C-alpha atoms as a PDB file:
ATOM      1  CA  MET A   1      60.904   9.926   1.771  1.00  0.00           C
ATOM      2  CA  ASN A   2      62.131   6.464   2.846  1.00  0.00           C
ATOM      3  CA  ILE A   3      60.621   3.151   1.835  1.00  0.00           C
ATOM      4  CA  LYS A   4      59.124   2.465   5.287  1.00  0.00           C
ATOM      5  CA  LEU A   5      57.185   5.754   5.259  1.00  0.00           C
ATOM      6  CA  ILE A   6      55.960   5.105   1.729  1.00  0.00           C
ATOM      7  CA  SER A   7      54.741   1.636   2.766  1.00  0.00           C
ATOM      8  CA  ILE A   8      52.862   3.108   5.769  1.00  0.00           C
ATOM      9  CA  LEU A   9      51.202   5.743   3.582  1.00  0.00           C
ATOM     10  CA  LEU A  10      50.210   3.159   1.001  1.00  0.00           C
ATOM     11  CA  PHE A  11      48.717   0.986   3.744  1.00  0.00           C
ATOM     12  CA  VAL A  12      46.710   3.918   5.156  1.00  0.00           C
ATOM     13  CA  PHE A  13      45.434   4.954   1.749  1.00  0.00           C
ATOM     14  CA  THR A  14      44.483   1.372   0.945  1.00  0.00           C
ATOM     15  CA  CYS A  15      42.507   1.089   4.221  1.00  0.00           C
ATOM     16  CA  LEU A  16      40.710   4.348   3.535  1.00  0.00           C
ATOM     17  CA  ALA A  17      39.895   3.279   0.005  1.00  0.00           C
ATOM     18  CA  PHE A  18      38.260   0.057   1.103  1.00  0.00           C
ATOM     19  CA  ALA A  19      36.733   1.387   4.362  1.00  0.00           C
ATOM     20  CA  GLN A  20      33.043   2.022   3.870  1.00  0.00           C
ATOM     21  CA  PRO A  21      29.689   1.612   5.584  1.00  0.00           C
ATOM     22  CA  GLU A  22      27.573  -1.424   4.797  1.00  0.00           C
ATOM     23  CA  LEU A  23      23.838  -1.447   5.479  1.00  0.00           C
ATOM     24  CA  GLU A  24      22.022  -4.629   6.474  1.00  0.00           C
ATOM     25  CA  ILE A  25      18.303  -4.704   7.230  1.00  0.00           C
ATOM     26  CA  LYS A  26      17.260  -7.418   9.639  1.00  0.00           C
ATOM     27  CA  PRO A  27      14.836  -8.962   9.221  1.00  0.00           C
ATOM     28  CA  ASN A  28      14.664  -8.110   5.537  1.00  0.00           C
ATOM     29  CA  LYS A  29      10.891  -8.832   5.422  1.00  0.00           C
ATOM     30  CA  ILE A  30       8.022  -7.723   7.641  1.00  0.00           C
ATOM     31  CA  GLU A  31       4.480  -9.088   7.571  1.00  0.00           C
ATOM     32  CA  PHE A  32       1.138  -7.727   8.648  1.00  0.00           C
ATOM     33  CA  GLU A  33      -1.138 -10.701   9.258  1.00  0.00           C
ATOM     34  CA  ASP A  34      -4.469  -9.058   9.999  1.00  0.00           C
ATOM     35  CA  LEU A  35      -6.186  -5.790  10.930  1.00  0.00           C
ATOM     36  CA  PHE A  36      -5.253  -6.272  14.596  1.00  0.00           C
ATOM     37  CA  ASN A  37      -1.516  -6.635  13.988  1.00  0.00           C
ATOM     38  CA  ARG A  38      -0.531  -3.484  12.068  1.00  0.00           C
ATOM     39  CA  PHE A  39       2.825  -2.700  13.692  1.00  0.00           C
ATOM     40  CA  ASP A  40       6.237  -4.224  12.929  1.00  0.00           C
ATOM     41  CA  PHE A  41       9.888  -3.159  12.887  1.00  0.00           C
ATOM     42  CA  ALA A  42      13.295  -3.905  11.409  1.00  0.00           C
ATOM     43  CA  TYR A  43      16.807  -3.068  12.471  1.00  0.00           C
ATOM     44  CA  LEU A  44      19.088  -1.014  10.235  1.00  0.00           C
ATOM     45  CA  ILE A  45      22.591  -2.352  10.961  1.00  0.00           C
ATOM     46  CA  ASN A  46      25.935  -0.880   9.925  1.00  0.00           C
ATOM     47  CA  ARG A  47      28.152  -3.851   9.085  1.00  0.00           C
ATOM     48  CA  GLY A  48      30.907  -1.622   7.713  1.00  0.00           C
ATOM     49  CA  ASP A  49      33.799   0.202   9.368  1.00  0.00           C
ATOM     50  CA  GLN A  50      32.705   3.776   8.614  1.00  0.00           C
ATOM     51  CA  ILE A  51      29.755   5.811   9.851  1.00  0.00           C
ATOM     52  CA  LEU A  52      26.620   5.120   7.832  1.00  0.00           C
ATOM     53  CA  THR A  53      24.002   7.799   7.108  1.00  0.00           C
ATOM     54  CA  ILE A  54      20.385   6.951   6.267  1.00  0.00           C
ATOM     55  CA  ASP A  55      19.448   9.768   3.898  1.00  0.00           C
ATOM     56  CA  SER A  56      15.895   8.970   2.882  1.00  0.00           C
ATOM     57  CA  LEU A  57      13.157   6.388   2.516  1.00  0.00           C
ATOM     58  CA  ASN A  58      10.942   5.560  -0.404  1.00  0.00           C
ATOM     59  CA  PHE A  59       7.547   4.172   0.634  1.00  0.00           C
ATOM     60  CA  LYS A  60       3.802   4.713   0.209  1.00  0.00           C
ATOM     61  CA  ASP A  61       3.073   7.339   2.827  1.00  0.00           C
ATOM     62  CA  ASP A  62      -0.678   6.873   2.404  1.00  0.00           C
ATOM     63  CA  ILE A  63      -0.318   3.311   3.709  1.00  0.00           C
ATOM     64  CA  TYR A  64       2.654   3.295   6.058  1.00  0.00           C
ATOM     65  CA  LEU A  65       3.809   5.476   8.929  1.00  0.00           C
ATOM     66  CA  ILE A  66       7.539   5.102   9.548  1.00  0.00           C
ATOM     67  CA  ASP A  67       9.615   6.428  12.435  1.00  0.00           C
ATOM     68  CA  PHE A  68      12.784   5.507  14.343  1.00  0.00           C
ATOM     69  CA  ALA A  69      13.484   4.486  17.896  1.00  0.00           C
ATOM     70  CA  ASN A  70      14.578   7.198  20.373  1.00  0.00           C
ATOM     71  CA  ASN A  71      12.684   9.808  18.300  1.00  0.00           C
ATOM     72  CA  LEU A  72      15.476   9.959  15.705  1.00  0.00           C
ATOM     73  CA  GLU A  73      14.753  11.812  12.477  1.00  0.00           C
ATOM     74  CA  LEU A  74      16.296  11.668   9.029  1.00  0.00           C
ATOM     75  CA  PRO A  75      19.167  11.839   8.267  1.00  0.00           C
ATOM     76  CA  VAL A  76      20.035   9.117  10.772  1.00  0.00           C
ATOM     77  CA  THR A  77      23.691   8.208  11.413  1.00  0.00           C
ATOM     78  CA  ILE A  78      24.699   4.730  12.503  1.00  0.00           C
ATOM     79  CA  ASN A  79      28.166   3.914  13.856  1.00  0.00           C
ATOM     80  CA  PRO A  80      30.032   0.756  12.794  1.00  0.00           C
ATOM     81  CA  ASP A  81      28.573  -2.403  14.397  1.00  0.00           C
ATOM     82  CA  ASP A  82      25.626  -0.440  15.680  1.00  0.00           C
ATOM     83  CA  SER A  83      21.976  -0.405  14.710  1.00  0.00           C
ATOM     84  CA  VAL A  84      18.805   1.689  14.745  1.00  0.00           C
ATOM     85  CA  ARG A  85      15.294   0.278  14.983  1.00  0.00           C
ATOM     86  CA  MET A  86      12.904   1.421  12.238  1.00  0.00           C
ATOM     87  CA  ASN A  87       9.213   1.125  13.178  1.00  0.00           C
ATOM     88  CA  VAL A  88       6.619   0.520  10.433  1.00  0.00           C
ATOM     89  CA  THR A  89       2.929   1.046  11.134  1.00  0.00           C
ATOM     90  CA  LEU A  90       0.247   0.074   8.615  1.00  0.00           C
ATOM     91  CA  SER A  91      -1.702   3.272   9.322  1.00  0.00           C
ATOM     92  CA  GLY A  92      -3.635   3.511   6.070  1.00  0.00           C
ATOM     93  CA  PHE A  93      -4.884  -0.111   6.000  1.00  0.00           C
ATOM     94  CA  TYR A  94      -8.113   1.010   4.372  1.00  0.00           C
ATOM     95  CA  HIS A  95      -6.112   2.154   1.382  1.00  0.00           C
ATOM     96  CA  VAL A  96      -4.633  -1.319   0.776  1.00  0.00           C
ATOM     97  CA  THR A  97      -5.445  -2.893  -2.565  1.00  0.00           C
ATOM     98  CA  LEU A  98      -4.397  -6.254  -4.107  1.00  0.00           C
ATOM     99  CA  SER A  99      -1.438  -4.557  -5.733  1.00  0.00           C
ATOM    100  CA  ASP A 100      -0.131  -3.524  -2.280  1.00  0.00           C
ATOM    101  CA  THR A 101      -0.128  -6.990  -0.732  1.00  0.00           C
ATOM    102  CA  SER A 102       3.489  -7.498  -1.825  1.00  0.00           C
ATOM    103  CA  ASP A 103       5.353  -4.244  -1.395  1.00  0.00           C
ATOM    104  CA  THR A 104       8.868  -2.874  -0.808  1.00  0.00           C
ATOM    105  CA  ILE A 105      10.219  -0.038   1.328  1.00  0.00           C
ATOM    106  CA  TYR A 106      13.533   1.305   0.063  1.00  0.00           C
ATOM    107  CA  VAL A 107      16.191   2.648   2.421  1.00  0.00           C
ATOM    108  CA  TYR A 108      18.791   5.013   0.940  1.00  0.00           C
ATOM    109  CA  ASN A 109      22.182   5.388   2.672  1.00  0.00           C
ATOM    110  CA  GLY A 110      25.160   7.623   2.216  1.00  0.00           C
ATOM    111  CA  GLY A 111      24.008   8.919  -1.139  1.00  0.00           C
ATOM    112  CA  ILE A 112      24.301   5.437  -2.720  1.00  0.00           C
ATOM    113  CA  ASN A 113      21.994   5.210  -5.718  1.00  0.00           C
ATOM    114  CA  SER A 114      21.171   1.565  -5.131  1.00  0.00           C
ATOM    115  CA  PRO A 115      18.905   1.426  -2.028  1.00  0.00           C
ATOM    116  CA  GLU A 116      18.526  -1.468   0.364  1.00  0.00           C
ATOM    117  CA  PRO A 117      15.016  -3.088   0.137  1.00  0.00           C
ATOM    118  CA  LEU A 118      12.749  -4.059   3.015  1.00  0.00           C
ATOM    119  CA  ARG A 119      10.039  -6.372   1.696  1.00  0.00           C
ATOM    120  CA  VAL A 120       6.532  -6.031   3.070  1.00  0.00           C
ATOM    121  CA  LYS A 121       3.792  -8.639   2.983  1.00  0.00           C
ATOM    122  CA  ILE A 122       0.217  -7.582   3.798  1.00  0.00           C
ATOM    123  CA  ASP A 123      -1.538 -10.856   4.499  1.00  0.00           C
ATOM    124  CA  PHE A 124      -5.071  -9.718   5.232  1.00  0.00           C
ATOM    125  CA  PHE A 125      -6.612 -11.691   2.435  1.00  0.00           C
ATOM    126  CA  GLU A 126      -7.217 -15.305   1.637  1.00  0.00           C
ATOM    127  CA  ASP A 127      -4.985 -17.024  -0.918  1.00  0.00           C
ATOM    128  CA  GLU A 128      -7.937 -18.566  -2.719  1.00  0.00           C
ATOM    129  CA  TYR A 129      -9.880 -16.583  -5.263  1.00  0.00           C
ATOM    130  CA  GLY A 130     -13.296 -16.312  -6.891  1.00  0.00           C
ATOM    131  CA  ASP A 131     -14.819 -13.968  -9.469  1.00  0.00           C
ATOM    132  CA  PHE A 132     -17.448 -11.259  -9.509  1.00  0.00           C
ATOM    133  CA  THR A 133     -19.044 -10.539 -12.889  1.00  0.00           C
ATOM    134  CA  GLY A 134     -22.054  -8.495 -13.998  1.00  0.00           C
ATOM    135  CA  THR A 135     -23.601  -5.822 -16.126  1.00  0.00           C
ATOM    136  CA  VAL A 136     -24.297  -2.163 -15.435  1.00  0.00           C
ATOM    137  CA  THR A 137     -27.266  -0.529 -17.175  1.00  0.00           C
ATOM    138  CA  ASP A 138     -29.790   2.252 -16.673  1.00  0.00           C
ATOM    139  CA  SER A 139     -32.619  -0.164 -17.643  1.00  0.00           C
ATOM    140  CA  ILE A 140     -32.340   1.074 -21.244  1.00  0.00           C
ATOM    141  CA  THR A 141     -28.701   1.483 -22.067  1.00  0.00           C
ATOM    142  CA  LEU A 142     -25.649  -0.712 -21.410  1.00  0.00           C
ATOM    143  CA  LEU A 143     -23.244   1.642 -19.630  1.00  0.00           C
ATOM    144  CA  GLU A 144     -19.632   1.741 -20.705  1.00  0.00           C
ATOM    145  CA  ASN A 145     -16.869   3.018 -18.387  1.00  0.00           C
ATOM    146  CA  ALA A 146     -18.926   2.698 -15.215  1.00  0.00           C
ATOM    147  CA  ASN A 147     -16.758   2.071 -12.150  1.00  0.00           C
ATOM    148  CA  VAL A 148     -17.438  -0.890  -9.847  1.00  0.00           C
ATOM    149  CA  TYR A 149     -15.932  -0.852  -6.358  1.00  0.00           C
ATOM    150  CA  PHE A 150     -15.289  -3.846  -4.116  1.00  0.00           C
ATOM    151  CA  PHE A 151     -15.045  -3.203  -0.339  1.00  0.00           C
ATOM    152  CA  TYR A 152     -13.454  -6.104   1.526  1.00  0.00           C
ATOM    153  CA  ASN A 153     -15.401  -6.932   4.676  1.00  0.00           C
ATOM    154  CA  GLY A 154     -17.388  -3.811   3.932  1.00  0.00           C
ATOM    155  CA  ILE A 155     -14.541  -1.710   5.404  1.00  0.00           C
ATOM    156  CA  TYR A 156     -12.037  -0.649   2.795  1.00  0.00           C
ATOM    157  CA  LEU A 157     -11.648  -0.521  -0.945  1.00  0.00           C
ATOM    158  CA  LEU A 158      -9.767  -3.586  -2.181  1.00  0.00           C
ATOM    159  CA  ASP A 159     -10.192  -3.353  -5.961  1.00  0.00           C
ATOM    160  CA  THR A 160     -12.092  -1.653  -8.769  1.00  0.00           C
ATOM    161  CA  ALA A 161     -13.375  -2.694 -12.210  1.00  0.00           C
ATOM    162  CA  THR A 162     -14.594  -0.720 -15.238  1.00  0.00           C
ATOM    163  CA  THR A 163     -17.331  -1.819 -17.580  1.00  0.00           C
ATOM    164  CA  ASP A 164     -16.642  -2.476 -21.278  1.00  0.00           C
ATOM    165  CA  ALA A 165     -18.619  -1.361 -24.316  1.00  0.00           C
ATOM    166  CA  ASN A 166     -21.337  -3.928 -23.449  1.00  0.00           C
ATOM    167  CA  GLY A 167     -21.619  -2.746 -19.861  1.00  0.00           C
ATOM    168  CA  ASN A 168     -19.914  -5.833 -18.515  1.00  0.00           C
ATOM    169  CA  TYR A 169     -17.314  -6.048 -15.746  1.00  0.00           C
ATOM    170  CA  SER A 170     -15.323  -8.815 -14.040  1.00  0.00           C
ATOM    171  CA  ALA A 171     -12.965  -8.964 -11.103  1.00  0.00           C
ATOM    172  CA  THR A 172     -10.950 -11.816  -9.551  1.00  0.00           C
ATOM    173  CA  LEU A 173     -10.743 -11.354  -5.790  1.00  0.00           C
ATOM    174  CA  PRO A 174      -9.779 -13.262  -2.653  1.00  0.00           C
ATOM    175  CA  GLU A 175     -12.645 -15.202  -1.080  1.00  0.00           C
ATOM    176  CA  GLY A 176     -14.431 -13.261   1.623  1.00  0.00           C
ATOM    177  CA  ASP A 177     -17.284 -10.835   2.269  1.00  0.00           C
ATOM    178  CA  TYR A 178     -17.748  -7.772   0.056  1.00  0.00           C
ATOM    179  CA  THR A 179     -19.859  -4.650  -0.228  1.00  0.00           C
ATOM    180  CA  ILE A 180     -20.102  -3.721  -3.944  1.00  0.00           C
ATOM    181  CA  ALA A 181     -20.955  -0.296  -5.389  1.00  0.00           C
ATOM    182  CA  THR A 182     -20.969   1.296  -8.792  1.00  0.00           C
ATOM    183  CA  GLU A 183     -20.931   4.866 -10.058  1.00  0.00           C
ATOM    184  CA  MET A 184     -20.849   6.793 -13.286  1.00  0.00           C
ATOM    185  CA  SER A 185     -21.012  10.456 -14.148  1.00  0.00           C
ATOM    186  CA  GLY A 186     -24.626  11.560 -14.517  1.00  0.00           C
ATOM    187  CA  TYR A 187     -25.971   8.739 -12.288  1.00  0.00           C
ATOM    188  CA  TYR A 188     -26.498   8.208  -8.596  1.00  0.00           C
ATOM    189  CA  VAL A 189     -23.967   5.997  -6.787  1.00  0.00           C
ATOM    190  CA  GLN A 190     -25.602   2.617  -6.129  1.00  0.00           C
ATOM    191  CA  PHE A 191     -24.679  -0.124  -3.641  1.00  0.00           C
ATOM    192  CA  HIS A 192     -25.815  -3.673  -4.071  1.00  0.00           C
ATOM    193  CA  ASP A 193     -28.739  -4.417  -3.621  1.00  0.00           C
ATOM    194  CA  SER A 194     -30.424  -1.300  -5.112  1.00  0.00           C
ATOM    195  CA  THR A 195     -29.597   0.993  -2.215  1.00  0.00           C
ATOM    196  CA  TYR A 196     -27.898   4.392  -2.055  1.00  0.00           C
ATOM    197  CA  ASP A 197     -26.864   4.016   1.548  1.00  0.00           C
ATOM    198  CA  PRO A 198     -23.739   1.903   2.257  1.00  0.00           C
ATOM    199  CA  TYR A 199     -25.080   0.988   5.725  1.00  0.00           C
ATOM    200  CA  PHE A 200     -27.967  -0.920   4.088  1.00  0.00           C
ATOM    201  CA  ALA A 201     -25.857  -2.499   1.312  1.00  0.00           C
ATOM    202  CA  LYS A 202     -26.077  -6.242   0.943  1.00  0.00           C
ATOM    203  CA  ILE A 203     -22.934  -8.179   1.894  1.00  0.00           C
ATOM    204  CA  GLU A 204     -21.923 -10.658  -0.801  1.00  0.00           C
ATOM    205  CA  SER A 205     -19.826 -13.700   0.174  1.00  0.00           C
ATOM    206  CA  LEU A 206     -17.362 -14.972  -2.420  1.00  0.00           C
ATOM    207  CA  ASP A 207     -16.094 -18.534  -2.097  1.00  0.00           C
ATOM    208  CA  PHE A 208     -13.068 -20.194  -3.662  1.00  0.00           C
ATOM    209  CA  GLY A 209     -13.642 -20.941  -7.324  1.00  0.00           C
ATOM    210  CA  GLU A 210     -17.083 -19.296  -7.310  1.00  0.00           C
ATOM    211  CA  VAL A 211     -18.281 -17.005 -10.133  1.00  0.00           C
ATOM    212  CA  LYS A 212     -20.969 -14.691  -8.738  1.00  0.00           C
ATOM    213  CA  THR A 213     -23.045 -12.375 -10.934  1.00  0.00           C
ATOM    214  CA  ILE A 214     -24.008  -8.969  -9.561  1.00  0.00           C
ATOM    215  CA  ASN A 215     -25.912  -6.652 -11.885  1.00  0.00           C
ATOM    216  CA  PHE A 216     -26.688  -2.964 -11.404  1.00  0.00           C
ATOM    217  CA  ASN A 217     -29.435  -0.764 -12.770  1.00  0.00           C
ATOM    218  CA  LEU A 218     -28.456   2.896 -12.216  1.00  0.00           C
ATOM    219  CA  LEU A 219     -30.781   5.834 -11.810  1.00  0.00           C
ATOM    220  CA  GLU A 220     -29.951   8.917 -13.891  1.00  0.00           C
ATOM    221  CA  ILE A 221     -29.598  12.268 -12.146  1.00  0.00           C
ATOM    222  CA  THR A 222     -32.197  14.623 -13.610  1.00  0.00           C
ATOM    223  CA  ASP A 223     -31.656  17.613 -11.271  1.00  0.00           C
ATOM    224  CA  SER A 224     -28.392  19.254 -12.438  1.00  0.00           C
ATOM    225  CA  ASN A 225     -28.458  21.834  -9.633  1.00  0.00           C
ATOM    226  CA  LEU A 226     -27.441  19.376  -6.891  1.00  0.00           C
ATOM    227  CA  SER A 227     -24.100  19.957  -5.169  1.00  0.00           C
ATOM    228  CA  VAL A 228     -22.044  18.417  -2.345  1.00  0.00           C
ATOM    229  CA  SER A 229     -19.429  20.123  -0.171  1.00  0.00           C
ATOM    230  CA  GLY A 230     -17.314  19.103   2.826  1.00  0.00           C
ATOM    231  CA  THR A 231     -13.834  18.562   4.152  1.00  0.00           C
ATOM    232  CA  VAL A 232     -11.590  15.518   3.619  1.00  0.00           C
ATOM    233  CA  PHE A 233      -9.282  14.343   6.423  1.00  0.00           C
ATOM    234  CA  ASP A 234      -6.470  11.819   6.434  1.00  0.00           C
ATOM    235  CA  SER A 235      -6.006   9.004   8.999  1.00  0.00           C
ATOM    236  CA  LEU A 236      -4.175  11.361  11.336  1.00  0.00           C
ATOM    237  CA  GLY A 237      -6.838  14.001  11.314  1.00  0.00           C
ATOM    238  CA  GLY A 238      -5.085  16.346   8.923  1.00  0.00           C
ATOM    239  CA  ILE A 239      -6.941  18.146   6.195  1.00  0.00           C
ATOM    240  CA  VAL A 240      -6.163  16.684   2.804  1.00  0.00           C
END
């Protein structure tokens, strides 16, 4: 084997060794500004010189619905210097809690263990906060481990709190309007103000820096033979 042939082979092997796909997500952040703007997208771009394969995605499927342009399905292959549009729909907006307002969707490519992140900002809520505090009792006993639920704009559950040994709870929340409910095993679910029907619940407005006290007095269930049955559906109409 002559020197020229060896040089050519070394050059080819070197090119193959360094040739690889390179994933870029552009933009690398998407934002949902309100309930009426719940669709966004990003482009998955192959900046490398080899075919790139999108193997899988890691995201909260109870909040997001993700698909690709042209009805592509995973695994998706992208040629060098080409791109595929990834559509992100905030389908489960009523599941969004404060912990979800800054989120990340991870895109895995070519079996690489380190995925490429797509940051997500859910900006439904105000950036200024206030506090709800209160006590849950049954008129005689201070109730520990009662759950308190905060429904932002009366639509979807934003946060929860649990009472301590003295029946007290507190929650720091974005300013806005809330429907508040509490429940505990052995007691009827109660919405503020002393109603068991969410449609008649009192809306409480929370302002920046405000500390608002909301107390609950639960009614114990004395008939142990009561039961409830039904079917639970997801946002797409499927049975859960």
